[in-house]
C-alpha atoms as a PDB file:
ATOM      1  CA  MET A   1       0.000   0.000   0.000  1.00  0.00           C
ATOM      2  CA  ASN A   2       1.550   3.345  -1.017  1.00  0.00           C
ATOM      3  CA  LYS A   3       1.683   6.437   1.163  1.00  0.00           C
ATOM      4  CA  ASN A   4      -1.355   8.098  -0.429  1.00  0.00           C
ATOM      5  CA  ALA A   5      -3.429   4.945  -0.023  1.00  0.00           C
ATOM      6  CA  ARG A   6      -2.385   4.623   3.620  1.00  0.00           C
ATOM      7  CA  GLN A   7      -3.315   8.226   4.288  1.00  0.00           C
ATOM      8  CA  LYS A   8      -6.682   7.768   2.580  1.00  0.00           C
ATOM      9  CA  SER A   9      -7.374   4.608   4.602  1.00  0.00           C
ATOM     10  CA  ALA A  10      -6.455   6.387   7.825  1.00  0.00           C
ATOM     11  CA  ARG A  11      -8.725   9.318   6.953  1.00  0.00           C
ATOM     12  CA  GLU A  12     -11.588   6.939   6.197  1.00  0.00           C
ATOM     13  CA  ARG A  13     -11.127   5.113   9.517  1.00  0.00           C
ATOM     14  CA  LEU A  14     -10.987   8.407  11.390  1.00  0.00           C
ATOM     15  CA  ALA A  15     -14.126   9.659   9.641  1.00  0.00           C
ATOM     16  CA  GLU A  16     -15.972   6.458  10.500  1.00  0.00           C
ATOM     17  CA  GLU A  17     -14.879   6.656  14.160  1.00  0.00           C
ATOM     18  CA  ARG A  18     -16.029  10.266  14.355  1.00  0.00           C
ATOM     19  CA  LYS A  19     -19.371   9.324  12.776  1.00  0.00           C
ATOM     20  CA  GLN A  20     -19.914   6.561  15.351  1.00  0.00           C
ATOM     21  CA  GLN A  21     -18.893   8.853  18.200  1.00  0.00           C
ATOM     22  CA  ALA A  22     -21.227  11.591  16.988  1.00  0.00           C
ATOM     23  CA  ALA A  23     -24.117   9.143  16.683  1.00  0.00           C
ATOM     24  CA  ARG A  24     -23.655   7.896  20.223  1.00  0.00           C
ATOM     25  CA  GLU A  25     -23.337  11.469  21.510  1.00  0.00           C
ATOM     26  CA  ARG A  26     -26.586  12.459  19.766  1.00  0.00           C
ATOM     27  CA  GLN A  27     -28.314   9.486  21.313  1.00  0.00           C
ATOM     28  CA  ARG A  28     -26.892  10.325  24.737  1.00  0.00           C
ATOM     29  CA  LYS A  29     -28.112  13.912  24.508  1.00  0.00           C
ATOM     30  CA  LEU A  30     -31.506  12.761  23.232  1.00  0.00           C
ATOM     31  CA  LEU A  31     -32.129  10.602  26.261  1.00  0.00           C
ATOM     32  CA  LEU A  32     -30.084  12.381  28.931  1.00  0.00           C
ATOM     33  CA  GLY A  33     -33.048  14.398  30.110  1.00  0.00           C
ATOM     34  CA  VAL A  34     -35.331  11.413  29.884  1.00  0.00           C
ATOM     35  CA  VAL A  35     -33.685   9.481  32.691  1.00  0.00           C
ATOM     36  CA  GLY A  36     -34.152  12.343  35.118  1.00  0.00           C
ATOM     37  CA  GLY A  37     -37.726  12.863  33.945  1.00  0.00           C
ATOM     38  CA  ILE A  38     -38.994   9.344  34.553  1.00  0.00           C
ATOM     39  CA  THR A  39     -41.751   9.286  37.166  1.00  0.00           C
ATOM     40  CA  VAL A  40     -41.071   8.234  40.739  1.00  0.00           C
ATOM     41  CA  ALA A  41     -43.002   5.033  40.156  1.00  0.00           C
ATOM     42  CA  ALA A  42     -40.821   4.111  37.193  1.00  0.00           C
ATOM     43  CA  VAL A  43     -37.669   4.898  39.154  1.00  0.00           C
ATOM     44  CA  GLY A  44     -38.936   2.542  41.825  1.00  0.00           C
ATOM     45  CA  VAL A  45     -39.248  -0.209  39.253  1.00  0.00           C
ATOM     46  CA  VAL A  46     -35.692   0.406  38.034  1.00  0.00           C
ATOM     47  CA  ALA A  47     -34.435   0.280  41.616  1.00  0.00           C
ATOM     48  CA  VAL A  48     -36.113  -3.053  42.177  1.00  0.00           C
ATOM     49  CA  VAL A  49     -34.543  -4.473  39.023  1.00  0.00           C
ATOM     50  CA  VAL A  50     -31.083  -3.251  40.017  1.00  0.00           C
ATOM     51  CA  LEU A  51     -31.405  -4.699  43.519  1.00  0.00           C
ATOM     52  CA  GLY A  52     -32.632  -7.947  42.037  1.00  0.00           C
ATOM     53  CA  ASN A  53     -29.611  -8.098  39.730  1.00  0.00           C
ATOM     54  CA  ASN A  54     -27.188  -7.513  42.586  1.00  0.00           C
ATOM     55  CA  ALA A  55     -28.843 -10.172  44.687  1.00  0.00           C
ATOM     56  CA  SER A  56     -28.843 -12.869  42.033  1.00  0.00           C
ATOM     57  CA  LYS A  57     -25.555 -12.583  40.162  1.00  0.00           C
ATOM     58  CA  SER A  58     -24.792 -16.242  40.885  1.00  0.00           C
ATOM     59  CA  GLY A  59     -28.252 -17.489  39.930  1.00  0.00           C
ATOM     60  CA  GLN A  60     -30.135 -15.127  37.627  1.00  0.00           C
ATOM     61  CA  LYS A  61     -33.542 -16.457  36.625  1.00  0.00           C
ATOM     62  CA  GLY A  62     -35.524 -15.902  33.460  1.00  0.00           C
ATOM     63  CA  ILE A  63     -38.213 -13.236  33.840  1.00  0.00           C
ATOM     64  CA  ALA A  64     -41.619 -14.218  32.495  1.00  0.00           C
ATOM     65  CA  TYR A  65     -43.894 -11.606  30.935  1.00  0.00           C
ATOM     66  CA  THR A  66     -47.470 -12.258  32.070  1.00  0.00           C
ATOM     67  CA  GLY A  67     -49.340  -9.221  30.715  1.00  0.00           C
ATOM     68  CA  PRO A  68     -51.643  -8.921  27.683  1.00  0.00           C
ATOM     69  CA  LEU A  69     -50.093 -10.015  24.423  1.00  0.00           C
ATOM     70  CA  ALA A  70     -51.110  -9.808  20.770  1.00  0.00           C
ATOM     71  CA  THR A  71     -50.384 -12.588  18.326  1.00  0.00           C
ATOM     72  CA  THR A  72     -46.600 -12.650  18.056  1.00  0.00           C
ATOM     73  CA  VAL A  73     -44.785 -14.027  15.012  1.00  0.00           C
ATOM     74  CA  ARG A  74     -41.313 -13.879  13.556  1.00  0.00           C
ATOM     75  CA  GLN A  75     -41.119 -12.338  10.094  1.00  0.00           C
ATOM     76  CA  GLU A  76     -38.899 -13.720   7.363  1.00  0.00           C
ATOM     77  CA  ASP A  77     -36.326 -10.991   7.985  1.00  0.00           C
ATOM     78  CA  GLY A  78     -35.999 -12.105  11.632  1.00  0.00           C
ATOM     79  CA  SER A  79     -37.965  -9.211  13.151  1.00  0.00           C
ATOM     80  CA  ILE A  80     -40.777  -9.820  15.636  1.00  0.00           C
ATOM     81  CA  LEU A  81     -44.279  -8.656  14.721  1.00  0.00           C
ATOM     82  CA  MET A  82     -46.951  -8.181  17.382  1.00  0.00           C
ATOM     83  CA  ALA A  83     -50.415  -7.435  16.054  1.00  0.00           C
ATOM     84  CA  LYS A  84     -54.018  -8.154  16.933  1.00  0.00           C
ATOM     85  CA  GLU A  85     -55.861  -9.951  14.154  1.00  0.00           C
ATOM     86  CA  GLY A  86     -57.219  -7.512  11.576  1.00  0.00           C
ATOM     87  CA  VAL A  87     -55.091  -4.554  12.720  1.00  0.00           C
ATOM     88  CA  THR A  88     -53.223  -2.985   9.799  1.00  0.00           C
ATOM     89  CA  GLY A  89     -51.739   0.106  11.454  1.00  0.00           C
ATOM     90  CA  PRO A  90     -50.262   2.302  12.624  1.00  0.00           C
ATOM     91  CA  THR A  91     -46.917   0.503  12.546  1.00  0.00           C
ATOM     92  CA  LEU A  92     -44.430   1.141  15.355  1.00  0.00           C
ATOM     93  CA  GLU A  93     -40.888  -0.095  14.665  1.00  0.00           C
ATOM     94  CA  ILE A  94     -38.372  -0.376  17.507  1.00  0.00           C
ATOM     95  CA  PHE A  95     -34.688  -0.725  16.600  1.00  0.00           C
ATOM     96  CA  GLU A  96     -32.723  -1.989  19.603  1.00  0.00           C
ATOM     97  CA  ASP A  97     -29.481  -3.580  20.755  1.00  0.00           C
ATOM     98  CA  PHE A  98     -29.543  -5.711  23.906  1.00  0.00           C
ATOM     99  CA  GLN A  99     -26.218  -4.193  25.009  1.00  0.00           C
ATOM    100  CA  CYS A 100     -27.657  -0.652  24.746  1.00  0.00           C
ATOM    101  CA  PRO A 101     -28.325   0.909  28.203  1.00  0.00           C
ATOM    102  CA  TYR A 102     -31.059   3.202  26.889  1.00  0.00           C
ATOM    103  CA  CYS A 103     -32.854   0.263  25.246  1.00  0.00           C
ATOM    104  CA  LYS A 104     -32.870  -1.339  28.693  1.00  0.00           C
ATOM    105  CA  LYS A 105     -34.376   1.851  30.130  1.00  0.00           C
ATOM    106  CA  LEU A 106     -37.039   1.898  27.418  1.00  0.00           C
ATOM    107  CA  GLU A 107     -38.018  -1.684  28.268  1.00  0.00           C
ATOM    108  CA  GLU A 108     -38.144  -0.895  31.982  1.00  0.00           C
ATOM    109  CA  ALA A 109     -40.131   2.308  31.556  1.00  0.00           C
ATOM    110  CA  ALA A 110     -42.496   1.450  28.706  1.00  0.00           C
ATOM    111  CA  GLY A 111     -42.065  -2.156  27.611  1.00  0.00           C
ATOM    112  CA  ASP A 112     -45.368  -3.276  29.105  1.00  0.00           C
ATOM    113  CA  ALA A 113     -47.182  -0.279  27.591  1.00  0.00           C
ATOM    114  CA  ILE A 114     -45.819  -1.187  24.153  1.00  0.00           C
ATOM    115  CA  TYR A 115     -46.934  -4.823  24.478  1.00  0.00           C
ATOM    116  CA  LYS A 116     -50.357  -3.675  25.674  1.00  0.00           C
ATOM    117  CA  ALA A 117     -50.757  -1.261  22.759  1.00  0.00           C
ATOM    118  CA  ALA A 118     -50.339  -4.189  20.371  1.00  0.00           C
ATOM    119  CA  ALA A 119     -52.657  -6.404  22.441  1.00  0.00           C
ATOM    120  CA  ASP A 120     -55.334  -3.686  22.461  1.00  0.00           C
ATOM    121  CA  GLY A 121     -55.131  -3.272  18.691  1.00  0.00           C
ATOM    122  CA  LYS A 122     -53.699   0.242  18.909  1.00  0.00           C
ATOM    123  CA  ALA A 123     -50.717  -0.592  16.682  1.00  0.00           C
ATOM    124  CA  ARG A 124     -48.709  -3.178  14.819  1.00  0.00           C
ATOM    125  CA  VAL A 125     -45.427  -3.334  16.730  1.00  0.00           C
ATOM    126  CA  ILE A 126     -42.246  -4.587  15.077  1.00  0.00           C
ATOM    127  CA  PHE A 127     -39.135  -5.234  17.153  1.00  0.00           C
ATOM    128  CA  ARG A 128     -35.954  -5.032  15.094  1.00  0.00           C
ATOM    129  CA  PRO A 129     -32.943  -6.227  17.107  1.00  0.00           C
ATOM    130  CA  PHE A 130     -29.591  -5.619  15.432  1.00  0.00           C
ATOM    131  CA  GLN A 131     -25.930  -5.186  16.332  1.00  0.00           C
ATOM    132  CA  LEU A 132     -25.209  -1.509  16.800  1.00  0.00           C
ATOM    133  CA  PHE A 133     -21.913  -2.047  18.616  1.00  0.00           C
ATOM    134  CA  LYS A 134     -19.230  -3.408  16.285  1.00  0.00           C
ATOM    135  CA  ALA A 135     -15.460  -3.658  16.122  1.00  0.00           C
ATOM    136  CA  PRO A 136     -13.263  -1.776  15.465  1.00  0.00           C
ATOM    137  CA  ASN A 137     -15.350   1.222  16.537  1.00  0.00           C
ATOM    138  CA  GLN A 138     -16.051  -0.380  19.909  1.00  0.00           C
ATOM    139  CA  ALA A 139     -13.516  -2.427  21.833  1.00  0.00           C
ATOM    140  CA  GLU A 140     -14.220  -5.955  22.988  1.00  0.00           C
ATOM    141  CA  PRO A 141     -16.085  -7.371  24.777  1.00  0.00           C
ATOM    142  CA  VAL A 142     -18.881  -4.950  23.772  1.00  0.00           C
ATOM    143  CA  PRO A 143     -19.285  -6.164  20.150  1.00  0.00           C
ATOM    144  CA  SER A 144     -19.304  -9.846  21.161  1.00  0.00           C
ATOM    145  CA  VAL A 145     -21.833  -9.253  23.942  1.00  0.00           C
ATOM    146  CA  SER A 146     -24.053  -7.329  21.532  1.00  0.00           C
ATOM    147  CA  ARG A 147     -23.813 -10.108  18.946  1.00  0.00           C
ATOM    148  CA  ARG A 148     -24.536 -12.913  21.442  1.00  0.00           C
ATOM    149  CA  GLY A 149     -27.596 -11.083  22.758  1.00  0.00           C
ATOM    150  CA  ALA A 150     -29.021 -10.459  19.299  1.00  0.00           C
ATOM    151  CA  ASN A 151     -28.295 -14.019  18.185  1.00  0.00           C
ATOM    152  CA  ALA A 152     -30.008 -15.576  21.206  1.00  0.00           C
ATOM    153  CA  ALA A 153     -33.042 -13.329  20.758  1.00  0.00           C
ATOM    154  CA  LEU A 154     -33.310 -14.384  17.118  1.00  0.00           C
ATOM    155  CA  CYS A 155     -33.068 -18.051  18.184  1.00  0.00           C
ATOM    156  CA  THR A 156     -36.018 -17.619  20.579  1.00  0.00           C
ATOM    157  CA  PRO A 157     -39.517 -18.827  19.611  1.00  0.00           C
ATOM    158  CA  ALA A 158     -41.669 -15.822  18.719  1.00  0.00           C
ATOM    159  CA  ASP A 159     -44.233 -16.349  21.485  1.00  0.00           C
ATOM    160  CA  LYS A 160     -41.428 -16.272  24.094  1.00  0.00           C
ATOM    161  CA  TRP A 161     -39.953 -13.029  22.766  1.00  0.00           C
ATOM    162  CA  PRO A 162     -41.395 -10.684  25.445  1.00  0.00           C
ATOM    163  CA  SER A 163     -40.124 -12.839  28.312  1.00  0.00           C
ATOM    164  CA  TYR A 164     -36.688 -13.432  26.819  1.00  0.00           C
ATOM    165  CA  ALA A 165     -36.248  -9.789  25.810  1.00  0.00           C
ATOM    166  CA  LYS A 166     -37.159  -8.696  29.350  1.00  0.00           C
ATOM    167  CA  THR A 167     -34.619 -11.158  30.709  1.00  0.00           C
ATOM    168  CA  LEU A 168     -31.834  -9.984  28.402  1.00  0.00           C
ATOM    169  CA  PHE A 169     -32.407  -6.364  29.354  1.00  0.00           C
ATOM    170  CA  ALA A 170     -32.748  -7.120  33.073  1.00  0.00           C
ATOM    171  CA  TYR A 171     -29.348  -8.846  33.124  1.00  0.00           C
ATOM    172  CA  GLN A 172     -27.660  -6.593  30.587  1.00  0.00           C
ATOM    173  CA  PRO A 173     -23.939  -6.454  31.447  1.00  0.00           C
ATOM    174  CA  GLU A 174     -22.363  -3.117  32.188  1.00  0.00           C
ATOM    175  CA  GLU A 175     -20.934  -1.742  28.977  1.00  0.00           C
ATOM    176  CA  GLY A 176     -17.328  -2.877  28.691  1.00  0.00           C
ATOM    177  CA  LYS A 177     -17.805  -5.998  30.790  1.00  0.00           C
ATOM    178  CA  ASN A 178     -18.491  -9.541  29.691  1.00  0.00           C
ATOM    179  CA  GLY A 179     -21.984 -11.007  29.742  1.00  0.00           C
ATOM    180  CA  PHE A 180     -24.656 -12.975  27.879  1.00  0.00           C
ATOM    181  CA  GLU A 181     -22.544 -16.095  28.307  1.00  0.00           C
ATOM    182  CA  ASN A 182     -23.901 -19.209  26.628  1.00  0.00           C
ATOM    183  CA  LYS A 183     -24.623 -20.961  29.926  1.00  0.00           C
ATOM    184  CA  ASP A 184     -26.783 -18.040  31.052  1.00  0.00           C
ATOM    185  CA  LEU A 185     -28.549 -17.684  27.715  1.00  0.00           C
ATOM    186  CA  LEU A 186     -29.445 -21.379  27.807  1.00  0.00           C
ATOM    187  CA  ASN A 187     -30.438 -21.410  31.491  1.00  0.00           C
ATOM    188  CA  TRP A 188     -32.828 -18.496  30.953  1.00  0.00           C
ATOM    189  CA  ALA A 189     -34.526 -20.506  28.215  1.00  0.00           C
ATOM    190  CA  ARG A 190     -34.866 -23.398  30.681  1.00  0.00           C
ATOM    191  CA  ASP A 191     -36.390 -21.068  33.266  1.00  0.00           C
ATOM    192  CA  LEU A 192     -38.899 -19.810  30.695  1.00  0.00           C
ATOM    193  CA  GLY A 193     -39.826 -23.290  29.526  1.00  0.00           C
ATOM    194  CA  PHE A 194     -38.645 -23.305  25.921  1.00  0.00           C
ATOM    195  CA  TYR A 195     -35.137 -24.795  26.048  1.00  0.00           C
ATOM    196  CA  SER A 196     -34.495 -27.369  23.330  1.00  0.00           C
ATOM    197  CA  ALA A 197     -31.536 -28.996  21.604  1.00  0.00           C
ATOM    198  CA  GLU A 198     -32.320 -26.817  18.599  1.00  0.00           C
ATOM    199  CA  PHE A 199     -32.171 -23.619  20.676  1.00  0.00           C
ATOM    200  CA  ASP A 200     -28.922 -24.793  22.301  1.00  0.00           C
ATOM    201  CA  LYS A 201     -27.334 -25.395  18.898  1.00  0.00           C
ATOM    202  CA  CYS A 202     -28.576 -22.046  17.598  1.00  0.00           C
ATOM    203  CA  VAL A 203     -27.141 -20.116  20.555  1.00  0.00           C
ATOM    204  CA  VAL A 204     -23.817 -21.915  20.911  1.00  0.00           C
ATOM    205  CA  GLY A 205     -23.232 -22.009  17.163  1.00  0.00           C
ATOM    206  CA  LEU A 206     -24.252 -18.372  16.614  1.00  0.00           C
ATOM    207  CA  GLU A 207     -26.518 -19.618  13.861  1.00  0.00           C
ATOM    208  CA  LYS A 208     -28.343 -16.310  13.382  1.00  0.00           C
ATOM    209  CA  VAL A 209     -25.339 -14.151  12.494  1.00  0.00           C
ATOM    210  CA  ALA A 210     -26.504 -13.982   8.873  1.00  0.00           C
ATOM    211  CA  ASP A 211     -29.886 -12.651  10.046  1.00  0.00           C
ATOM    212  CA  ILE A 212     -28.080 -10.134  12.263  1.00  0.00           C
ATOM    213  CA  ALA A 213     -26.133  -8.917   9.235  1.00  0.00           C
ATOM    214  CA  LYS A 214     -29.407  -8.477   7.331  1.00  0.00           C
ATOM    215  CA  ALA A 215     -30.907  -6.586  10.287  1.00  0.00           C
ATOM    216  CA  ASP A 216     -27.815  -4.368  10.425  1.00  0.00           C
ATOM    217  CA  ALA A 217     -28.133  -3.612   6.724  1.00  0.00           C
ATOM    218  CA  TYR A 218     -31.826  -2.778   7.075  1.00  0.00           C
ATOM    219  CA  ALA A 219     -31.115  -0.463  10.025  1.00  0.00           C
ATOM    220  CA  ALA A 220     -28.424   1.292   7.983  1.00  0.00           C
ATOM    221  CA  ALA A 221     -30.815   1.670   5.044  1.00  0.00           C
ATOM    222  CA  GLN A 222     -33.330   3.253   7.407  1.00  0.00           C
ATOM    223  CA  LYS A 223     -30.597   5.652   8.596  1.00  0.00           C
ATOM    224  CA  VAL A 224     -30.691   4.298  12.151  1.00  0.00           C
ATOM    225  CA  GLU A 225     -27.570   5.626  13.887  1.00  0.00           C
ATOM    226  CA  GLY A 226     -28.385   4.968  17.534  1.00  0.00           C
ATOM    227  CA  THR A 227     -30.592   2.878  19.772  1.00  0.00           C
ATOM    228  CA  PRO A 228     -33.327   2.813  20.691  1.00  0.00           C
ATOM    229  CA  THR A 229     -34.753   4.313  17.512  1.00  0.00           C
ATOM    230  CA  LEU A 230     -38.548   4.410  17.221  1.00  0.00           C
ATOM    231  CA  LYS A 231     -40.277   4.871  13.884  1.00  0.00           C
ATOM    232  CA  LEU A 232     -44.000   5.397  13.457  1.00  0.00           C
ATOM    233  CA  ASN A 233     -45.368   4.580   9.995  1.00  0.00           C
ATOM    234  CA  GLY A 234     -41.828   4.846   8.671  1.00  0.00           C
ATOM    235  CA  GLN A 235     -41.070   8.257  10.195  1.00  0.00           C
ATOM    236  CA  ASP A 236     -38.686   8.852  13.094  1.00  0.00           C
ATOM    237  CA  MET A 237     -40.422   9.784  16.328  1.00  0.00           C
ATOM    238  CA  SER A 238     -39.481  13.237  17.549  1.00  0.00           C
ATOM    239  CA  MET A 239     -37.361  13.837  20.635  1.00  0.00           C
ATOM    240  CA  ASP A 240     -40.435  15.144  22.449  1.00  0.00           C
ATOM    241  CA  GLN A 241     -42.416  11.999  21.654  1.00  0.00           C
ATOM    242  CA  VAL A 242     -39.630   9.712  22.850  1.00  0.00           C
ATOM    243  CA  ASN A 243     -39.284  11.757  26.038  1.00  0.00           C
ATOM    244  CA  GLN A 244     -43.033  11.496  26.619  1.00  0.00           C
ATOM    245  CA  ILE A 245     -42.984   7.716  26.306  1.00  0.00           C
ATOM    246  CA  PHE A 246     -40.101   7.425  28.759  1.00  0.00           C
ATOM    247  CA  SER A 247     -41.623   9.714  31.367  1.00  0.00           C
ATOM    248  CA  ASP A 248     -45.288   8.792  30.825  1.00  0.00           C
ATOM    249  CA  PRO A 249     -45.846   5.450  29.062  1.00  0.00           C
ATOM    250  CA  SER A 250     -49.586   6.152  28.836  1.00  0.00           C
ATOM    251  CA  SER A 251     -48.748   8.895  26.315  1.00  0.00           C
ATOM    252  CA  LEU A 252     -47.936   6.150  23.800  1.00  0.00           C
ATOM    253  CA  GLU A 253     -51.624   5.651  23.072  1.00  0.00           C
ATOM    254  CA  ARG A 254     -52.069   9.352  22.208  1.00  0.00           C
ATOM    255  CA  ILE A 255     -48.974   9.330  20.002  1.00  0.00           C
ATOM    256  CA  LEU A 256     -50.205   6.245  18.146  1.00  0.00           C
ATOM    257  CA  ALA A 257     -53.640   7.794  17.625  1.00  0.00           C
ATOM    258  CA  ALA A 258     -52.016  10.828  15.978  1.00  0.00           C
ATOM    259  CA  ALA A 259     -49.661   8.775  13.783  1.00  0.00           C
ATOM    260  CA  PRO A 260     -48.681  10.305  10.438  1.00  0.00           C
ATOM    261  CA  ALA A 261     -49.707   8.631   7.208  1.00  0.00           C
ATOM    262  CA  PRO A 262     -47.330   5.850   6.153  1.00  0.00           C
ATOM    263  CA  VAL A 263     -44.392   7.064   4.084  1.00  0.00           C
ATOM    264  CA  THR A 264     -44.306   4.179   1.594  1.00  0.00           C
ATOM    265  CA  PRO A 265     -44.908   0.439   1.776  1.00  0.00           C
ATOM    266  CA  SER A 266     -41.715  -1.278   2.928  1.00  0.00           C
ATOM    267  CA  ALA A 267     -40.303  -4.529   4.224  1.00  0.00           C
ATOM    268  CA  SER A 268     -41.550  -3.525   7.682  1.00  0.00           C
ATOM    269  CA  ALA A 269     -45.108  -3.969   6.474  1.00  0.00           C
ATOM    270  CA  SER A 270     -44.516  -7.368   4.889  1.00  0.00           C
ATOM    271  CA  PRO A 271     -47.097  -9.974   5.891  1.00  0.00           C
ATOM    272  CA  SER A 272     -44.598 -12.806   5.395  1.00  0.00           C
ATOM    273  CA  THR A 273     -44.085 -14.554   8.715  1.00  0.00           C
ATOM    274  CA  THR A 274     -42.836 -17.729  10.289  1.00  0.00           C
ATOM    275  CA  ASP A 275     -43.481 -19.232  13.706  1.00  0.00           C
ATOM    276  CA  ARG A 276     -39.824 -19.021  14.709  1.00  0.00           C
END
């Protein structure tokens, strides 16, 4: 490689690093005020989860979701669609990474409200897990933890998605530390009653990495630069709307009722599904 080529490569790497840093900084600023604005009740819930994590580091148990739930299926692209029969919109897409701290906060603050909105027929909800954190822009073990979490989620039967997603977020490792070890990922499936040899093979063999790559490409095509990113009928939710959902989950119903018209038909609206 000649000098000019090396300089060009270095500039490209630097530009990419700056882009990633800027994206994470925008996301941090977007949600910085949200954490302080969450209601006392929600803070209480977070405190309980944290205490529970500290008390059970040697024996973390899968957390079952027992609230209302719409029909839940896995689409051909690997995403999870929740929708009451006959409901065609609005469509709420949630792009998330299980290593992302703010995705964890979204689940804690408004996860149940999102599931209920789908169960009540207020929206079609599509969860789009992908790997935001990648090398070389993030140092290990962050990329590997992110990949293992996404892979295990994609290995999970669709009807167990809410419980397994809650579990992954509840035991999310601190950024920069190891976590989502295979033994834990498999034990949580046992706790939740869906462990199988097929799931074991899928998790240990990282059999969904091709689907993760497709999810990453779709997120990039949708110009998703941080997580969580929420899109309503194909349009990014505003900062104010995201803040409202964090601080007052009941506001989600009002936001859904005032959803903009769909931008264009896309893969997110595809009816093609599978039961895994």
